[in-house]
Amino acid sequence: MSTIEERQRIAEADRLYEQFGKPLEARHAGRYVAISRDGRTIVGPTLLDVVRQARTAFGPGSYAFKVGERAVGRWR
């Protein structure tokens, strides 16, 4: 992956979190959220639970975050 592609993915993750994750902070801080590229979300208590559910519901290309923190992951 090129540096440009990596920066684009980071920018996409930031945009998705700002739009769809940040509003969850008040009620779900410390939990995990998966966000699809079209804005669908799944919130859960563990990263593993959220990723498993999101992989089935969203397929590849979505992002996972810890709500209230800027830790991010992406799966293919």
N, C-alpha and C. Protein backbone atom coordinates (compact mmCIF):
# COMPACT_ATOMS: atom_id res chain seq x y z
N MET A 1 0.85 -1.17 0.00
CA MET A 1 0.00 0.00 0.00
C MET A 1 0.90 1.24 0.00
N SER A 2 0.57 2.18 -0.84
CA SER A 2 1.36 3.40 -0.92
C SER A 2 1.00 4.35 0.22
N THR A 3 1.86 5.30 0.43
CA THR A 3 1.63 6.31 1.47
C THR A 3 0.37 7.11 1.16
N ILE A 4 0.12 7.38 -0.11
CA ILE A 4 -1.07 8.13 -0.50
C ILE A 4 -2.33 7.33 -0.16
N GLU A 5 -2.33 6.03 -0.46
CA GLU A 5 -3.48 5.19 -0.13
C GLU A 5 -3.69 5.12 1.38
N GLU A 6 -2.60 5.02 2.11
CA GLU A 6 -2.69 4.97 3.57
C GLU A 6 -3.29 6.26 4.12
N ARG A 7 -2.86 7.38 3.61
CA ARG A 7 -3.40 8.67 4.05
C ARG A 7 -4.88 8.80 3.71
N GLN A 8 -5.27 8.30 2.53
CA GLN A 8 -6.67 8.34 2.14
C GLN A 8 -7.53 7.50 3.08
N ARG A 9 -7.03 6.35 3.48
CA ARG A 9 -7.78 5.49 4.40
C ARG A 9 -7.89 6.12 5.78
N ILE A 10 -6.82 6.75 6.23
CA ILE A 10 -6.86 7.45 7.52
C ILE A 10 -7.86 8.60 7.46
N ALA A 11 -7.86 9.33 6.36
CA ALA A 11 -8.81 10.43 6.20
C ALA A 11 -10.24 9.91 6.17
N GLU A 12 -10.47 8.78 5.49
CA GLU A 12 -11.80 8.20 5.46
C GLU A 12 -12.24 7.77 6.86
N ALA A 13 -11.33 7.12 7.59
CA ALA A 13 -11.64 6.69 8.96
C ALA A 13 -11.97 7.89 9.84
N ASP A 14 -11.18 8.95 9.74
CA ASP A 14 -11.45 10.16 10.52
C ASP A 14 -12.82 10.74 10.20
N ARG A 15 -13.15 10.81 8.92
CA ARG A 15 -14.43 11.36 8.50
C ARG A 15 -15.59 10.52 9.03
N LEU A 16 -15.46 9.20 8.90
CA LEU A 16 -16.53 8.33 9.38
C LEU A 16 -16.71 8.44 10.89
N TYR A 17 -15.59 8.50 11.63
CA TYR A 17 -15.73 8.61 13.08
C TYR A 17 -16.37 9.94 13.46
N GLU A 18 -15.93 11.02 12.85
CA GLU A 18 -16.49 12.34 13.17
C GLU A 18 -17.99 12.36 12.92
N GLN A 19 -18.41 11.80 11.79
CA GLN A 19 -19.82 11.86 11.42
C GLN A 19 -20.69 10.86 12.18
N PHE A 20 -20.21 9.64 12.36
CA PHE A 20 -21.07 8.59 12.90
C PHE A 20 -20.64 8.07 14.28
N GLY A 21 -19.36 8.20 14.62
CA GLY A 21 -18.88 7.69 15.89
C GLY A 21 -18.95 8.72 17.01
N LYS A 22 -18.57 9.92 16.71
CA LYS A 22 -18.53 10.98 17.73
C LYS A 22 -19.88 11.17 18.42
N PRO A 23 -21.00 11.14 17.68
CA PRO A 23 -22.30 11.29 18.34
C PRO A 23 -22.60 10.18 19.35
N LEU A 24 -21.88 9.07 19.30
CA LEU A 24 -22.10 7.95 20.22
C LEU A 24 -21.34 8.11 21.54
N GLU A 25 -20.43 9.07 21.61
CA GLU A 25 -19.55 9.19 22.77
C GLU A 25 -20.29 9.40 24.08
N ALA A 26 -21.33 10.17 24.08
CA ALA A 26 -22.05 10.47 25.33
C ALA A 26 -22.67 9.21 25.94
N ARG A 27 -23.17 8.32 25.12
CA ARG A 27 -23.87 7.13 25.64
C ARG A 27 -23.04 5.86 25.60
N HIS A 28 -21.99 5.82 24.78
CA HIS A 28 -21.28 4.56 24.58
C HIS A 28 -19.76 4.65 24.77
N ALA A 29 -19.28 5.65 25.49
CA ALA A 29 -17.84 5.80 25.70
C ALA A 29 -17.24 4.52 26.28
N GLY A 30 -16.11 4.11 25.73
CA GLY A 30 -15.43 2.91 26.20
C GLY A 30 -15.87 1.64 25.51
N ARG A 31 -16.99 1.70 24.78
CA ARG A 31 -17.46 0.53 24.02
C ARG A 31 -16.81 0.58 22.63
N TYR A 32 -17.17 -0.32 21.78
CA TYR A 32 -16.59 -0.38 20.43
C TYR A 32 -17.68 -0.17 19.40
N VAL A 33 -17.29 0.44 18.28
CA VAL A 33 -18.23 0.66 17.19
C VAL A 33 -17.56 0.27 15.87
N ALA A 34 -18.32 -0.41 15.04
CA ALA A 34 -17.92 -0.64 13.66
C ALA A 34 -18.75 0.30 12.81
N ILE A 35 -18.10 0.92 11.84
CA ILE A 35 -18.79 1.86 10.97
C ILE A 35 -18.52 1.47 9.52
N SER A 36 -19.59 1.24 8.78
CA SER A 36 -19.45 0.91 7.36
C SER A 36 -19.22 2.20 6.59
N ARG A 37 -18.78 2.05 5.37
CA ARG A 37 -18.53 3.23 4.54
C ARG A 37 -19.79 4.03 4.26
N ASP A 38 -20.96 3.39 4.37
CA ASP A 38 -22.20 4.13 4.14
C ASP A 38 -22.85 4.62 5.44
N GLY A 39 -22.12 4.47 6.57
CA GLY A 39 -22.58 5.05 7.83
C GLY A 39 -23.34 4.13 8.75
N ARG A 40 -23.55 2.88 8.38
CA ARG A 40 -24.21 1.95 9.30
C ARG A 40 -23.27 1.66 10.46
N THR A 41 -23.81 1.48 11.65
CA THR A 41 -22.98 1.24 12.83
C THR A 41 -23.46 0.03 13.61
N ILE A 42 -22.51 -0.58 14.29
CA ILE A 42 -22.79 -1.64 15.26
C ILE A 42 -21.97 -1.31 16.49
N VAL A 43 -22.61 -1.23 17.66
CA VAL A 43 -21.94 -0.92 18.91
C VAL A 43 -21.99 -2.16 19.79
N GLY A 44 -20.87 -2.44 20.48
CA GLY A 44 -20.84 -3.58 21.37
C GLY A 44 -19.78 -3.45 22.44
N PRO A 45 -19.77 -4.40 23.39
CA PRO A 45 -18.86 -4.31 24.52
C PRO A 45 -17.42 -4.70 24.22
N THR A 46 -17.21 -5.53 23.20
CA THR A 46 -15.84 -5.95 22.88
C THR A 46 -15.56 -5.76 21.40
N LEU A 47 -14.31 -5.56 21.09
CA LEU A 47 -13.90 -5.40 19.70
C LEU A 47 -14.23 -6.65 18.90
N LEU A 48 -13.98 -7.81 19.47
CA LEU A 48 -14.24 -9.06 18.76
C LEU A 48 -15.72 -9.20 18.41
N ASP A 49 -16.60 -8.91 19.34
CA ASP A 49 -18.04 -8.98 19.07
C ASP A 49 -18.45 -8.05 17.93
N VAL A 50 -17.96 -6.84 18.00
CA VAL A 50 -18.33 -5.83 16.99
C VAL A 50 -17.80 -6.22 15.62
N VAL A 51 -16.56 -6.66 15.55
CA VAL A 51 -15.98 -7.02 14.26
C VAL A 51 -16.69 -8.24 13.66
N ARG A 52 -17.00 -9.22 14.48
CA ARG A 52 -17.72 -10.40 13.97
C ARG A 52 -19.08 -10.02 13.40
N GLN A 53 -19.82 -9.22 14.14
CA GLN A 53 -21.14 -8.81 13.67
C GLN A 53 -21.05 -7.96 12.40
N ALA A 54 -20.10 -7.04 12.40
CA ALA A 54 -19.96 -6.14 11.26
C ALA A 54 -19.47 -6.86 10.01
N ARG A 55 -18.60 -7.82 10.17
CA ARG A 55 -18.12 -8.57 9.00
C ARG A 55 -19.30 -9.24 8.31
N THR A 56 -20.20 -9.80 9.09
CA THR A 56 -21.39 -10.45 8.52
C THR A 56 -22.34 -9.42 7.91
N ALA A 57 -22.58 -8.34 8.64
CA ALA A 57 -23.56 -7.33 8.20
C ALA A 57 -23.04 -6.42 7.10
N PHE A 58 -21.77 -6.03 7.16
CA PHE A 58 -21.24 -5.02 6.25
C PHE A 58 -20.32 -5.58 5.18
N GLY A 59 -19.70 -6.72 5.44
CA GLY A 59 -18.67 -7.22 4.53
C GLY A 59 -17.35 -6.50 4.77
N PRO A 60 -16.41 -6.63 3.84
CA PRO A 60 -15.09 -6.01 4.01
C PRO A 60 -15.12 -4.50 3.79
N GLY A 61 -14.07 -3.84 4.29
CA GLY A 61 -13.89 -2.42 4.02
C GLY A 61 -14.42 -1.47 5.05
N SER A 62 -14.90 -1.97 6.18
CA SER A 62 -15.41 -1.10 7.23
C SER A 62 -14.32 -0.83 8.26
N TYR A 63 -14.64 0.02 9.23
CA TYR A 63 -13.67 0.41 10.25
C TYR A 63 -14.23 0.12 11.63
N ALA A 64 -13.33 -0.14 12.58
CA ALA A 64 -13.72 -0.35 13.97
C ALA A 64 -12.97 0.64 14.85
N PHE A 65 -13.67 1.18 15.82
CA PHE A 65 -13.11 2.19 16.72
C PHE A 65 -13.50 1.87 18.16
N LYS A 66 -12.70 2.34 19.09
CA LYS A 66 -13.11 2.38 20.48
C LYS A 66 -13.75 3.75 20.67
N VAL A 67 -14.98 3.77 21.09
CA VAL A 67 -15.72 5.03 21.20
C VAL A 67 -15.06 5.92 22.24
N GLY A 68 -14.77 7.15 21.83
CA GLY A 68 -14.15 8.11 22.71
C GLY A 68 -12.63 8.16 22.59
N GLU A 69 -12.05 7.24 21.83
CA GLU A 69 -10.61 7.21 21.60
C GLU A 69 -10.34 7.11 20.11
N ARG A 70 -9.16 7.50 19.72
CA ARG A 70 -8.83 7.45 18.30
C ARG A 70 -8.02 6.23 17.94
N ALA A 71 -8.39 5.08 18.49
CA ALA A 71 -7.82 3.82 18.05
C ALA A 71 -8.71 3.31 16.93
N VAL A 72 -8.12 2.89 15.83
CA VAL A 72 -8.91 2.48 14.66
C VAL A 72 -8.34 1.20 14.07
N GLY A 73 -9.24 0.43 13.50
CA GLY A 73 -8.84 -0.76 12.77
C GLY A 73 -9.69 -0.88 11.54
N ARG A 74 -9.18 -1.62 10.56
CA ARG A 74 -9.93 -1.83 9.33
C ARG A 74 -9.73 -3.27 8.92
N TRP A 75 -10.75 -3.90 8.38
CA TRP A 75 -10.58 -5.26 7.91
C TRP A 75 -10.93 -5.33 6.44
N ARG A 76 -10.36 -6.33 5.80
CA ARG A 76 -10.57 -6.50 4.35
C ARG A 76 -11.47 -7.66 4.08
